[in-house]
Amino acid sequence: MGPVSRYAPPVAVMTLIFALSATPDLGTGLGTWDLVLRKIAHVTIFAVLWLTLARATEWRRPVTATVIALLYAGSDEFHQTLVEGRHGAALDVAIDAFGMGLAALAWTLAARRRGGPGPPWPVFAAQSRA
């Protein structure tokens, strides 16, 4: 796997997170549903970030993926303190960590199901046929 295919996905996810955090008002006017949907978005986007980072490390360094994603979650909340109309919240970092945990759990269960450590699907299947 080349460096572009390895690192472009996590950089793209980080860019999306940064762009959303730079938006002054993400309110939808849906009241309580607005809050719920935003927290679900936190869980989802940081689960995706963790998966792309784990893939970038060829599924061999899940702790590294977690540390990078947690540091990014903290920097994201700090970034929001600099955007007018937004504020950072430690609770959001915990929600982001929950998303990472769900992704790590899914990865672990899928890896066990296929009989061993590593990615939850045969990433290198095409190479093994050659």
C-alpha atoms as a PDB file:
ATOM      1  CA  MET A   1       0.000   0.000   0.000  1.00  0.00           C
ATOM      2  CA  GLY A   2       1.493   3.307  -1.084  1.00  0.00           C
ATOM      3  CA  PRO A   3       1.652   6.423   1.099  1.00  0.00           C
ATOM      4  CA  VAL A   4      -1.205   8.183  -0.704  1.00  0.00           C
ATOM      5  CA  SER A   5      -3.634   5.284  -0.389  1.00  0.00           C
ATOM      6  CA  ARG A   6      -2.490   4.768   3.190  1.00  0.00           C
ATOM      7  CA  TYR A   7      -2.722   8.337   4.503  1.00  0.00           C
ATOM      8  CA  ALA A   8      -5.237  10.091   2.227  1.00  0.00           C
ATOM      9  CA  PRO A   9      -8.311   8.599   3.958  1.00  0.00           C
ATOM     10  CA  PRO A  10      -7.439   9.754   7.504  1.00  0.00           C
ATOM     11  CA  VAL A  11      -6.340  13.162   6.195  1.00  0.00           C
ATOM     12  CA  ALA A  12      -9.656  13.467   4.333  1.00  0.00           C
ATOM     13  CA  VAL A  13     -11.623  12.605   7.484  1.00  0.00           C
ATOM     14  CA  MET A  14      -9.563  15.069   9.539  1.00  0.00           C
ATOM     15  CA  THR A  15     -10.180  17.745   6.910  1.00  0.00           C
ATOM     16  CA  LEU A  16     -13.928  17.121   7.066  1.00  0.00           C
ATOM     17  CA  ILE A  17     -13.872  17.348  10.876  1.00  0.00           C
ATOM     18  CA  PHE A  18     -11.877  20.593  10.706  1.00  0.00           C
ATOM     19  CA  ALA A  19     -14.291  22.102   8.165  1.00  0.00           C
ATOM     20  CA  LEU A  20     -17.336  21.183  10.248  1.00  0.00           C
ATOM     21  CA  SER A  21     -15.688  22.600  13.376  1.00  0.00           C
ATOM     22  CA  ALA A  22     -14.947  25.861  11.564  1.00  0.00           C
ATOM     23  CA  THR A  23     -18.637  26.336  10.759  1.00  0.00           C
ATOM     24  CA  PRO A  24     -20.094  28.909  13.170  1.00  0.00           C
ATOM     25  CA  ASP A  25     -23.558  27.375  13.468  1.00  0.00           C
ATOM     26  CA  LEU A  26     -24.446  23.767  12.708  1.00  0.00           C
ATOM     27  CA  GLY A  27     -27.899  24.015  14.279  1.00  0.00           C
ATOM     28  CA  THR A  28     -30.765  22.451  12.361  1.00  0.00           C
ATOM     29  CA  GLY A  29     -33.590  23.936  14.405  1.00  0.00           C
ATOM     30  CA  LEU A  30     -34.783  20.476  15.424  1.00  0.00           C
ATOM     31  CA  GLY A  31     -34.492  21.106  19.154  1.00  0.00           C
ATOM     32  CA  THR A  32     -33.515  17.997  21.123  1.00  0.00           C
ATOM     33  CA  TRP A  33     -33.061  16.018  17.916  1.00  0.00           C
ATOM     34  CA  ASP A  34     -30.414  18.535  16.863  1.00  0.00           C
ATOM     35  CA  LEU A  35     -28.327  17.665  19.923  1.00  0.00           C
ATOM     36  CA  VAL A  36     -28.856  13.923  19.519  1.00  0.00           C
ATOM     37  CA  LEU A  37     -27.959  13.986  15.828  1.00  0.00           C
ATOM     38  CA  ARG A  38     -24.803  16.022  16.470  1.00  0.00           C
ATOM     39  CA  LYS A  39     -23.634  13.558  19.142  1.00  0.00           C
ATOM     40  CA  ILE A  40     -24.334  10.623  16.803  1.00  0.00           C
ATOM     41  CA  ALA A  41     -22.275  12.471  14.181  1.00  0.00           C
ATOM     42  CA  HIS A  42     -19.403  12.758  16.709  1.00  0.00           C
ATOM     43  CA  VAL A  43     -19.504   9.007  17.384  1.00  0.00           C
ATOM     44  CA  THR A  44     -19.686   8.157  13.690  1.00  0.00           C
ATOM     45  CA  ILE A  45     -16.996  10.469  12.345  1.00  0.00           C
ATOM     46  CA  PHE A  46     -14.478   9.524  15.036  1.00  0.00           C
ATOM     47  CA  ALA A  47     -15.216   5.818  14.497  1.00  0.00           C
ATOM     48  CA  VAL A  48     -14.431   6.381  10.818  1.00  0.00           C
ATOM     49  CA  LEU A  49     -11.295   8.343  11.741  1.00  0.00           C
ATOM     50  CA  TRP A  50     -10.108   5.498  13.970  1.00  0.00           C
ATOM     51  CA  LEU A  51     -10.728   2.927  11.234  1.00  0.00           C
ATOM     52  CA  THR A  52      -8.841   4.962   8.637  1.00  0.00           C
ATOM     53  CA  LEU A  53      -5.937   5.463  11.047  1.00  0.00           C
ATOM     54  CA  ALA A  54      -5.883   1.767  11.946  1.00  0.00           C
ATOM     55  CA  ARG A  55      -5.840   0.946   8.240  1.00  0.00           C
ATOM     56  CA  ALA A  56      -2.990   3.433   7.710  1.00  0.00           C
ATOM     57  CA  THR A  57      -0.955   1.494  10.282  1.00  0.00           C
ATOM     58  CA  GLU A  58      -1.859  -1.736   8.455  1.00  0.00           C
ATOM     59  CA  TRP A  59      -4.055  -2.782  11.400  1.00  0.00           C
ATOM     60  CA  ARG A  60      -0.957  -3.494  13.497  1.00  0.00           C
ATOM     61  CA  ARG A  61      -0.977  -0.452  15.796  1.00  0.00           C
ATOM     62  CA  PRO A  62      -4.490   0.115  17.158  1.00  0.00           C
ATOM     63  CA  VAL A  63      -3.101   1.979  20.191  1.00  0.00           C
ATOM     64  CA  THR A  64      -1.270   4.405  17.890  1.00  0.00           C
ATOM     65  CA  ALA A  65      -4.496   4.951  15.939  1.00  0.00           C
ATOM     66  CA  THR A  66      -6.320   5.612  19.207  1.00  0.00           C
ATOM     67  CA  VAL A  67      -3.737   8.079  20.515  1.00  0.00           C
ATOM     68  CA  ILE A  68      -3.696  10.033  17.246  1.00  0.00           C
ATOM     69  CA  ALA A  69      -7.502  10.113  17.084  1.00  0.00           C
ATOM     70  CA  LEU A  70      -7.772  11.218  20.742  1.00  0.00           C
ATOM     71  CA  LEU A  71      -5.229  13.983  20.201  1.00  0.00           C
ATOM     72  CA  TYR A  72      -7.172  15.097  17.138  1.00  0.00           C
ATOM     73  CA  ALA A  73     -10.429  15.040  19.107  1.00  0.00           C
ATOM     74  CA  GLY A  74      -8.865  17.294  21.750  1.00  0.00           C
ATOM     75  CA  SER A  75      -7.444  19.646  19.136  1.00  0.00           C
ATOM     76  CA  ASP A  76     -10.846  19.730  17.434  1.00  0.00           C
ATOM     77  CA  GLU A  77     -12.531  20.873  20.636  1.00  0.00           C
ATOM     78  CA  PHE A  78      -9.821  23.504  21.158  1.00  0.00           C
ATOM     79  CA  HIS A  79     -10.315  24.661  17.561  1.00  0.00           C
ATOM     80  CA  GLN A  80     -14.019  25.129  18.267  1.00  0.00           C
ATOM     81  CA  THR A  81     -13.186  27.545  21.112  1.00  0.00           C
ATOM     82  CA  LEU A  82     -11.611  29.801  18.477  1.00  0.00           C
ATOM     83  CA  VAL A  83     -14.705  29.813  16.240  1.00  0.00           C
ATOM     84  CA  GLU A  84     -17.316  32.461  17.006  1.00  0.00           C
ATOM     85  CA  GLY A  85     -20.573  30.841  18.043  1.00  0.00           C
ATOM     86  CA  ARG A  86     -18.919  27.532  18.945  1.00  0.00           C
ATOM     87  CA  HIS A  87     -17.418  26.186  22.138  1.00  0.00           C
ATOM     88  CA  GLY A  88     -15.277  23.202  23.000  1.00  0.00           C
ATOM     89  CA  ALA A  89     -16.466  20.561  25.430  1.00  0.00           C
ATOM     90  CA  ALA A  90     -14.552  17.814  27.205  1.00  0.00           C
ATOM     91  CA  LEU A  91     -17.716  15.711  27.024  1.00  0.00           C
ATOM     92  CA  ASP A  92     -17.454  15.766  23.232  1.00  0.00           C
ATOM     93  CA  VAL A  93     -13.950  14.264  23.442  1.00  0.00           C
ATOM     94  CA  ALA A  94     -15.435  11.482  25.593  1.00  0.00           C
ATOM     95  CA  ILE A  95     -18.170  10.964  22.989  1.00  0.00           C
ATOM     96  CA  ASP A  96     -15.501  10.874  20.269  1.00  0.00           C
ATOM     97  CA  ALA A  97     -13.581   8.276  22.315  1.00  0.00           C
ATOM     98  CA  PHE A  98     -16.769   6.224  22.569  1.00  0.00           C
ATOM     99  CA  GLY A  99     -16.961   6.199  18.765  1.00  0.00           C
ATOM    100  CA  MET A 100     -13.343   5.076  18.573  1.00  0.00           C
ATOM    101  CA  GLY A 101     -14.083   2.347  21.090  1.00  0.00           C
ATOM    102  CA  LEU A 102     -17.030   1.112  19.039  1.00  0.00           C
ATOM    103  CA  ALA A 103     -14.828   0.993  15.939  1.00  0.00           C
ATOM    104  CA  ALA A 104     -12.086  -0.872  17.824  1.00  0.00           C
ATOM    105  CA  LEU A 105     -14.640  -3.318  19.223  1.00  0.00           C
ATOM    106  CA  ALA A 106     -16.089  -3.956  15.762  1.00  0.00           C
ATOM    107  CA  TRP A 107     -12.570  -4.473  14.390  1.00  0.00           C
ATOM    108  CA  THR A 108     -11.694  -6.893  17.207  1.00  0.00           C
ATOM    109  CA  LEU A 109     -14.893  -8.910  16.839  1.00  0.00           C
ATOM    110  CA  ALA A 110     -14.503  -9.122  13.072  1.00  0.00           C
ATOM    111  CA  ALA A 111     -10.856 -10.179  13.403  1.00  0.00           C
ATOM    112  CA  ARG A 112     -11.774 -12.895  15.922  1.00  0.00           C
ATOM    113  CA  ARG A 113     -14.571 -14.085  13.699  1.00  0.00           C
ATOM    114  CA  ARG A 114     -12.172 -14.634  10.835  1.00  0.00           C
ATOM    115  CA  GLY A 115      -9.794 -16.480  13.123  1.00  0.00           C
ATOM    116  CA  GLY A 116      -6.993 -14.201  14.196  1.00  0.00           C
ATOM    117  CA  PRO A 117      -5.529 -10.776  14.684  1.00  0.00           C
ATOM    118  CA  GLY A 118      -5.344  -8.242  11.945  1.00  0.00           C
ATOM    119  CA  PRO A 119      -7.827  -6.467   9.751  1.00  0.00           C
ATOM    120  CA  PRO A 120     -11.453  -7.523   9.914  1.00  0.00           C
ATOM    121  CA  TRP A 121     -11.440  -8.278   6.179  1.00  0.00           C
ATOM    122  CA  PRO A 122      -8.791  -9.648   3.826  1.00  0.00           C
ATOM    123  CA  VAL A 123      -7.058  -6.403   2.828  1.00  0.00           C
ATOM    124  CA  PHE A 124      -4.241  -8.259   1.129  1.00  0.00           C
ATOM    125  CA  ALA A 125      -6.368 -10.942  -0.546  1.00  0.00           C
ATOM    126  CA  ALA A 126      -5.403  -9.751  -4.038  1.00  0.00           C
ATOM    127  CA  GLN A 127      -1.690 -10.032  -3.189  1.00  0.00           C
ATOM    128  CA  SER A 128      -2.049 -13.518  -1.727  1.00  0.00           C
ATOM    129  CA  ARG A 129      -3.534 -14.830  -5.000  1.00  0.00           C
ATOM    130  CA  ALA A 130      -0.509 -13.721  -6.990  1.00  0.00           C
END
